[in-house]
Amino acid sequence: MIKARVTVTLKNGVLDPQGKAIGHALDGLGFSGVGLVRQGKVFDIELETSDRAAAEAELKAMSEKLLANTVIEDFSVEVI
């Protein structure tokens, strides 16, 4: 079995209203000095295979087809 983590983040230049709201909330809670906040998504996935290369290719395909909107989001795949 292979465990992996796919991290999806907004591309640079894409507006992030949720990140901005989180930044304002942190400031309101007294966490001063917080700069830019960007939000994203993390997916922990287990694949029933021992072939690392095949797993990475399948995870990339999953990310491109479903997990990330590749028009506005980037993703990274990390096999643990």
C-alpha atoms as a PDB file:
ATOM      1  CA  MET A   1       0.000   0.000   0.000  1.00  0.00           C
ATOM      2  CA  ILE A   2       1.219   3.497  -0.828  1.00  0.00           C
ATOM      3  CA  LYS A   3       0.200   6.568   1.127  1.00  0.00           C
ATOM      4  CA  ALA A   4       0.290   9.966  -0.500  1.00  0.00           C
ATOM      5  CA  ARG A   5      -0.637  13.570   0.101  1.00  0.00           C
ATOM      6  CA  VAL A   6      -1.976  15.863  -2.618  1.00  0.00           C
ATOM      7  CA  THR A   7      -1.821  19.571  -1.793  1.00  0.00           C
ATOM      8  CA  VAL A   8      -3.915  21.973  -3.854  1.00  0.00           C
ATOM      9  CA  THR A   9      -3.317  25.737  -3.724  1.00  0.00           C
ATOM     10  CA  LEU A  10      -4.524  28.719  -5.694  1.00  0.00           C
ATOM     11  CA  LYS A  11      -2.198  29.921  -8.430  1.00  0.00           C
ATOM     12  CA  ASN A  12      -0.357  33.197  -7.881  1.00  0.00           C
ATOM     13  CA  GLY A  13      -2.506  36.104  -9.003  1.00  0.00           C
ATOM     14  CA  VAL A  14      -5.822  34.364  -8.259  1.00  0.00           C
ATOM     15  CA  LEU A  15      -7.857  36.269  -5.685  1.00  0.00           C
ATOM     16  CA  ASP A  16      -8.326  34.424  -2.384  1.00  0.00           C
ATOM     17  CA  PRO A  17     -11.232  35.967  -0.439  1.00  0.00           C
ATOM     18  CA  GLN A  18     -11.268  33.122   2.085  1.00  0.00           C
ATOM     19  CA  GLY A  19      -7.564  33.593   2.802  1.00  0.00           C
ATOM     20  CA  LYS A  20      -8.135  37.313   3.198  1.00  0.00           C
ATOM     21  CA  ALA A  21     -11.006  36.697   5.653  1.00  0.00           C
ATOM     22  CA  ILE A  22      -8.825  34.305   7.652  1.00  0.00           C
ATOM     23  CA  GLY A  23      -6.078  36.935   7.792  1.00  0.00           C
ATOM     24  CA  HIS A  24      -8.522  39.556   9.096  1.00  0.00           C
ATOM     25  CA  ALA A  25      -9.906  37.094  11.666  1.00  0.00           C
ATOM     26  CA  LEU A  26      -6.404  36.273  12.911  1.00  0.00           C
ATOM     27  CA  ASP A  27      -5.693  39.981  13.294  1.00  0.00           C
ATOM     28  CA  GLY A  28      -8.964  40.406  15.191  1.00  0.00           C
ATOM     29  CA  LEU A  29      -7.940  37.587  17.533  1.00  0.00           C
ATOM     30  CA  GLY A  30      -4.752  39.443  18.403  1.00  0.00           C
ATOM     31  CA  PHE A  31      -2.311  37.657  16.117  1.00  0.00           C
ATOM     32  CA  SER A  32      -0.568  40.753  14.845  1.00  0.00           C
ATOM     33  CA  GLY A  33       2.130  40.646  12.218  1.00  0.00           C
ATOM     34  CA  VAL A  34       0.388  38.040  10.050  1.00  0.00           C
ATOM     35  CA  GLY A  35       0.997  38.875   6.414  1.00  0.00           C
ATOM     36  CA  LEU A  36      -0.650  37.284   3.421  1.00  0.00           C
ATOM     37  CA  VAL A  37      -2.803  34.209   4.108  1.00  0.00           C
ATOM     38  CA  ARG A  38      -3.640  31.796   1.269  1.00  0.00           C
ATOM     39  CA  GLN A  39      -5.964  28.845   1.798  1.00  0.00           C
ATOM     40  CA  GLY A  40      -5.802  25.474   0.091  1.00  0.00           C
ATOM     41  CA  LYS A  41      -6.836  21.828   0.316  1.00  0.00           C
ATOM     42  CA  VAL A  42      -5.002  18.691   1.412  1.00  0.00           C
ATOM     43  CA  PHE A  43      -5.985  15.148   0.413  1.00  0.00           C
ATOM     44  CA  ASP A  44      -4.445  12.100   2.122  1.00  0.00           C
ATOM     45  CA  ILE A  45      -4.886   9.116  -0.176  1.00  0.00           C
ATOM     46  CA  GLU A  46      -4.003   5.433   0.177  1.00  0.00           C
ATOM     47  CA  LEU A  47      -3.509   3.367  -2.969  1.00  0.00           C
ATOM     48  CA  GLU A  48      -3.444  -0.413  -2.996  1.00  0.00           C
ATOM     49  CA  THR A  49      -0.262  -0.800  -5.008  1.00  0.00           C
ATOM     50  CA  SER A  50       3.445  -1.083  -4.393  1.00  0.00           C
ATOM     51  CA  ASP A  51       4.476   0.507  -7.707  1.00  0.00           C
ATOM     52  CA  ARG A  52       5.579   4.028  -6.769  1.00  0.00           C
ATOM     53  CA  ALA A  53       5.814   5.320 -10.355  1.00  0.00           C
ATOM     54  CA  ALA A  54       2.338   4.041 -11.239  1.00  0.00           C
ATOM     55  CA  ALA A  55       0.941   5.538  -8.020  1.00  0.00           C
ATOM     56  CA  GLU A  56       2.446   8.952  -8.787  1.00  0.00           C
ATOM     57  CA  ALA A  57       1.013   8.867 -12.314  1.00  0.00           C
ATOM     58  CA  GLU A  58      -2.419   7.871 -11.002  1.00  0.00           C
ATOM     59  CA  LEU A  59      -2.353  10.586  -8.317  1.00  0.00           C
ATOM     60  CA  LYS A  60      -1.436  13.188 -10.929  1.00  0.00           C
ATOM     61  CA  ALA A  61      -4.346  12.042 -13.117  1.00  0.00           C
ATOM     62  CA  MET A  62      -6.720  12.197 -10.117  1.00  0.00           C
ATOM     63  CA  SER A  63      -5.552  15.710  -9.366  1.00  0.00           C
ATOM     64  CA  GLU A  64      -5.941  16.926 -12.941  1.00  0.00           C
ATOM     65  CA  LYS A  65      -9.388  15.350 -13.387  1.00  0.00           C
ATOM     66  CA  LEU A  66     -11.034  15.962 -10.009  1.00  0.00           C
ATOM     67  CA  LEU A  67      -9.027  17.216  -7.055  1.00  0.00           C
ATOM     68  CA  ALA A  68      -7.774  20.489  -8.566  1.00  0.00           C
ATOM     69  CA  ASN A  69      -9.266  23.038 -10.915  1.00  0.00           C
ATOM     70  CA  THR A  70      -6.110  23.414 -12.983  1.00  0.00           C
ATOM     71  CA  VAL A  71      -7.289  26.701 -14.465  1.00  0.00           C
ATOM     72  CA  ILE A  72      -6.918  28.477 -11.109  1.00  0.00           C
ATOM     73  CA  GLU A  73      -5.155  25.917  -8.875  1.00  0.00           C
ATOM     74  CA  ASP A  74      -1.764  24.230  -8.680  1.00  0.00           C
ATOM     75  CA  PHE A  75      -1.197  20.873  -7.037  1.00  0.00           C
ATOM     76  CA  SER A  76       1.685  18.846  -5.708  1.00  0.00           C
ATOM     77  CA  VAL A  77       1.869  15.116  -5.071  1.00  0.00           C
ATOM     78  CA  GLU A  78       3.974  13.668  -2.259  1.00  0.00           C
ATOM     79  CA  VAL A  79       4.290   9.901  -1.810  1.00  0.00           C
ATOM     80  CA  ILE A  80       4.901   9.247   1.881  1.00  0.00           C
END
